[in-house]
């Protein structure tokens, strides 16, 4: 049976891959949600590896703030805030194409940084 960390990592990879496909298909609202999901899952993976279980959305934001305090040079709060805008875009579909495409690169960088903590 997979650990919680392994499961979150699996979902992280799945959502990043799906986001790339959705961007190619020009479905920017769905891609936005996948990018939000991918970053949320990597935050949960790091927390789980450290024995912390995250529940509601607020706990994700709090944990990103904690990680940002540990690694201020990574600008994790800034990047996660960008993902929060993408999460909102899923419901409202108001962001321009380039914003979502930039979000893919920001999400990949965010994930790479947090994977280094695993």
C-alpha atoms as a PDB file:
ATOM      1  CA  UNK A   1       0.000   0.000   0.000  1.00  0.00           C
ATOM      2  CA  UNK A   2       1.324   3.440  -0.969  1.00  0.00           C
ATOM      3  CA  UNK A   3       2.153   5.938   1.734  1.00  0.00           C
ATOM      4  CA  UNK A   4       0.332   9.256   1.895  1.00  0.00           C
ATOM      5  CA  UNK A   5       3.453  10.970   0.561  1.00  0.00           C
ATOM      6  CA  UNK A   6       3.625   8.591  -2.412  1.00  0.00           C
ATOM      7  CA  UNK A   7      -0.056   9.084  -3.153  1.00  0.00           C
ATOM      8  CA  UNK A   8       0.271  12.879  -3.091  1.00  0.00           C
ATOM      9  CA  UNK A   9       3.302  12.658  -5.380  1.00  0.00           C
ATOM     10  CA  UNK A  10       1.378  10.435  -7.804  1.00  0.00           C
ATOM     11  CA  UNK A  11      -1.476  12.923  -7.926  1.00  0.00           C
ATOM     12  CA  UNK A  12       0.951  15.814  -8.309  1.00  0.00           C
ATOM     13  CA  UNK A  13       2.478  14.222 -11.414  1.00  0.00           C
ATOM     14  CA  UNK A  14      -0.918  13.288 -12.803  1.00  0.00           C
ATOM     15  CA  UNK A  15      -2.280  16.811 -12.435  1.00  0.00           C
ATOM     16  CA  UNK A  16       0.805  18.466 -13.945  1.00  0.00           C
ATOM     17  CA  UNK A  17       0.623  16.165 -16.951  1.00  0.00           C
ATOM     18  CA  UNK A  18      -3.097  16.775 -17.370  1.00  0.00           C
ATOM     19  CA  UNK A  19      -2.547  20.545 -17.132  1.00  0.00           C
ATOM     20  CA  UNK A  20      -0.041  20.397 -19.976  1.00  0.00           C
ATOM     21  CA  UNK A  21      -2.508  18.424 -22.112  1.00  0.00           C
ATOM     22  CA  UNK A  22      -5.346  20.823 -21.306  1.00  0.00           C
ATOM     23  CA  UNK A  23      -3.230  23.842 -22.227  1.00  0.00           C
ATOM     24  CA  UNK A  24      -2.462  22.215 -25.587  1.00  0.00           C
ATOM     25  CA  UNK A  25      -6.224  21.703 -26.001  1.00  0.00           C
ATOM     26  CA  UNK A  26      -6.757  25.365 -25.064  1.00  0.00           C
ATOM     27  CA  UNK A  27      -8.964  24.431 -22.102  1.00  0.00           C
ATOM     28  CA  UNK A  28      -7.477  27.046 -19.815  1.00  0.00           C
ATOM     29  CA  UNK A  29     -10.113  26.857 -17.081  1.00  0.00           C
ATOM     30  CA  UNK A  30      -9.557  23.122 -16.567  1.00  0.00           C
ATOM     31  CA  UNK A  31      -5.785  23.526 -16.866  1.00  0.00           C
ATOM     32  CA  UNK A  32      -5.948  26.182 -14.156  1.00  0.00           C
ATOM     33  CA  UNK A  33      -7.571  23.773 -11.726  1.00  0.00           C
ATOM     34  CA  UNK A  34      -5.061  21.027 -12.501  1.00  0.00           C
ATOM     35  CA  UNK A  35      -2.199  23.423 -11.770  1.00  0.00           C
ATOM     36  CA  UNK A  36      -3.817  24.376  -8.464  1.00  0.00           C
ATOM     37  CA  UNK A  37      -4.250  20.691  -7.684  1.00  0.00           C
ATOM     38  CA  UNK A  38      -0.664  19.834  -8.580  1.00  0.00           C
ATOM     39  CA  UNK A  39       0.753  22.467  -6.247  1.00  0.00           C
ATOM     40  CA  UNK A  40      -1.639  21.560  -3.458  1.00  0.00           C
ATOM     41  CA  UNK A  41      -0.622  17.904  -3.707  1.00  0.00           C
ATOM     42  CA  UNK A  42       3.102  18.669  -3.475  1.00  0.00           C
ATOM     43  CA  UNK A  43       2.474  20.777  -0.365  1.00  0.00           C
ATOM     44  CA  UNK A  44       0.568  17.849   1.140  1.00  0.00           C
ATOM     45  CA  UNK A  45       3.402  15.477   0.188  1.00  0.00           C
ATOM     46  CA  UNK A  46       5.991  17.559   2.033  1.00  0.00           C
ATOM     47  CA  UNK A  47       3.712  17.875   5.045  1.00  0.00           C
ATOM     48  CA  UNK A  48       2.992  14.129   5.086  1.00  0.00           C
ATOM     49  CA  UNK A  49       6.706  13.345   4.865  1.00  0.00           C
ATOM     50  CA  UNK A  50       7.131  15.462   8.005  1.00  0.00           C
ATOM     51  CA  UNK A  51       4.240  13.742   9.777  1.00  0.00           C
ATOM     52  CA  UNK A  52       1.777  16.609   9.318  1.00  0.00           C
ATOM     53  CA  UNK A  53      -1.708  16.028   7.917  1.00  0.00           C
ATOM     54  CA  UNK A  54      -3.278  18.978   6.118  1.00  0.00           C
ATOM     55  CA  UNK A  55      -7.039  19.274   5.890  1.00  0.00           C
ATOM     56  CA  UNK A  56      -8.892  22.342   4.727  1.00  0.00           C
ATOM     57  CA  UNK A  57      -7.658  24.913   2.192  1.00  0.00           C
ATOM     58  CA  UNK A  58      -6.492  27.243   4.956  1.00  0.00           C
ATOM     59  CA  UNK A  59      -4.067  24.598   6.189  1.00  0.00           C
ATOM     60  CA  UNK A  60      -2.390  24.544   2.758  1.00  0.00           C
ATOM     61  CA  UNK A  61      -1.829  28.290   2.872  1.00  0.00           C
ATOM     62  CA  UNK A  62      -0.544  28.107   6.443  1.00  0.00           C
ATOM     63  CA  UNK A  63       1.870  25.328   5.539  1.00  0.00           C
ATOM     64  CA  UNK A  64       3.153  27.219   2.502  1.00  0.00           C
ATOM     65  CA  UNK A  65       3.824  30.167   4.826  1.00  0.00           C
ATOM     66  CA  UNK A  66       5.776  27.845   7.122  1.00  0.00           C
ATOM     67  CA  UNK A  67       7.812  26.496   4.199  1.00  0.00           C
ATOM     68  CA  UNK A  68       8.356  30.028   2.942  1.00  0.00           C
ATOM     69  CA  UNK A  69       9.795  30.962   6.345  1.00  0.00           C
ATOM     70  CA  UNK A  70      12.231  28.059   6.022  1.00  0.00           C
ATOM     71  CA  UNK A  71      13.186  29.008   2.446  1.00  0.00           C
ATOM     72  CA  UNK A  72      12.375  32.694   1.840  1.00  0.00           C
ATOM     73  CA  UNK A  73      14.623  32.708  -1.232  1.00  0.00           C
ATOM     74  CA  UNK A  74      12.128  30.423  -2.988  1.00  0.00           C
ATOM     75  CA  UNK A  75       9.196  32.904  -2.932  1.00  0.00           C
ATOM     76  CA  UNK A  76       6.764  30.090  -2.190  1.00  0.00           C
ATOM     77  CA  UNK A  77       3.979  32.366  -0.962  1.00  0.00           C
ATOM     78  CA  UNK A  78       4.125  34.406  -4.154  1.00  0.00           C
ATOM     79  CA  UNK A  79       3.993  31.309  -6.340  1.00  0.00           C
ATOM     80  CA  UNK A  80       1.203  29.689  -4.331  1.00  0.00           C
ATOM     81  CA  UNK A  81      -0.795  32.922  -4.510  1.00  0.00           C
ATOM     82  CA  UNK A  82      -0.510  32.720  -8.299  1.00  0.00           C
ATOM     83  CA  UNK A  83      -1.937  29.197  -8.062  1.00  0.00           C
ATOM     84  CA  UNK A  84      -4.796  30.560  -5.961  1.00  0.00           C
ATOM     85  CA  UNK A  85      -5.688  32.866  -8.853  1.00  0.00           C
ATOM     86  CA  UNK A  86      -5.668  29.864 -11.165  1.00  0.00           C
ATOM     87  CA  UNK A  87      -8.001  28.035  -8.758  1.00  0.00           C
ATOM     88  CA  UNK A  88     -10.408  30.964  -8.987  1.00  0.00           C
ATOM     89  CA  UNK A  89     -10.061  30.929 -12.775  1.00  0.00           C
ATOM     90  CA  UNK A  90     -11.479  27.411 -12.854  1.00  0.00           C
ATOM     91  CA  UNK A  91     -14.774  28.816 -11.604  1.00  0.00           C
ATOM     92  CA  UNK A  92     -14.793  32.106 -13.485  1.00  0.00           C
ATOM     93  CA  UNK A  93     -12.615  31.529 -16.599  1.00  0.00           C
ATOM     94  CA  UNK A  94     -11.412  35.131 -16.682  1.00  0.00           C
ATOM     95  CA  UNK A  95      -7.629  34.834 -16.940  1.00  0.00           C
ATOM     96  CA  UNK A  96      -5.921  35.366 -20.296  1.00  0.00           C
ATOM     97  CA  UNK A  97      -4.173  32.473 -22.001  1.00  0.00           C
ATOM     98  CA  UNK A  98      -0.665  33.754 -21.268  1.00  0.00           C
ATOM     99  CA  UNK A  99      -1.409  33.918 -17.536  1.00  0.00           C
ATOM    100  CA  UNK A 100      -2.346  30.240 -17.483  1.00  0.00           C
ATOM    101  CA  UNK A 101       0.661  29.284 -19.608  1.00  0.00           C
ATOM    102  CA  UNK A 102       2.937  31.204 -17.248  1.00  0.00           C
ATOM    103  CA  UNK A 103       1.198  29.393 -14.416  1.00  0.00           C
ATOM    104  CA  UNK A 104       2.413  26.080 -15.798  1.00  0.00           C
ATOM    105  CA  UNK A 105       6.022  27.218 -15.534  1.00  0.00           C
ATOM    106  CA  UNK A 106       5.481  28.691 -12.070  1.00  0.00           C
ATOM    107  CA  UNK A 107       3.851  25.452 -10.914  1.00  0.00           C
ATOM    108  CA  UNK A 108       6.733  23.372 -12.290  1.00  0.00           C
ATOM    109  CA  UNK A 109       9.236  25.543 -10.434  1.00  0.00           C
ATOM    110  CA  UNK A 110       7.208  25.367  -7.220  1.00  0.00           C
ATOM    111  CA  UNK A 111       7.007  21.592  -7.482  1.00  0.00           C
ATOM    112  CA  UNK A 112      10.729  21.261  -8.168  1.00  0.00           C
ATOM    113  CA  UNK A 113      11.572  23.307  -5.079  1.00  0.00           C
ATOM    114  CA  UNK A 114       9.283  21.304  -2.816  1.00  0.00           C
ATOM    115  CA  UNK A 115      10.386  17.960  -4.250  1.00  0.00           C
ATOM    116  CA  UNK A 116      13.887  18.855  -3.089  1.00  0.00           C
ATOM    117  CA  UNK A 117      12.545  18.678   0.481  1.00  0.00           C
ATOM    118  CA  UNK A 118      11.504  15.069   0.026  1.00  0.00           C
END
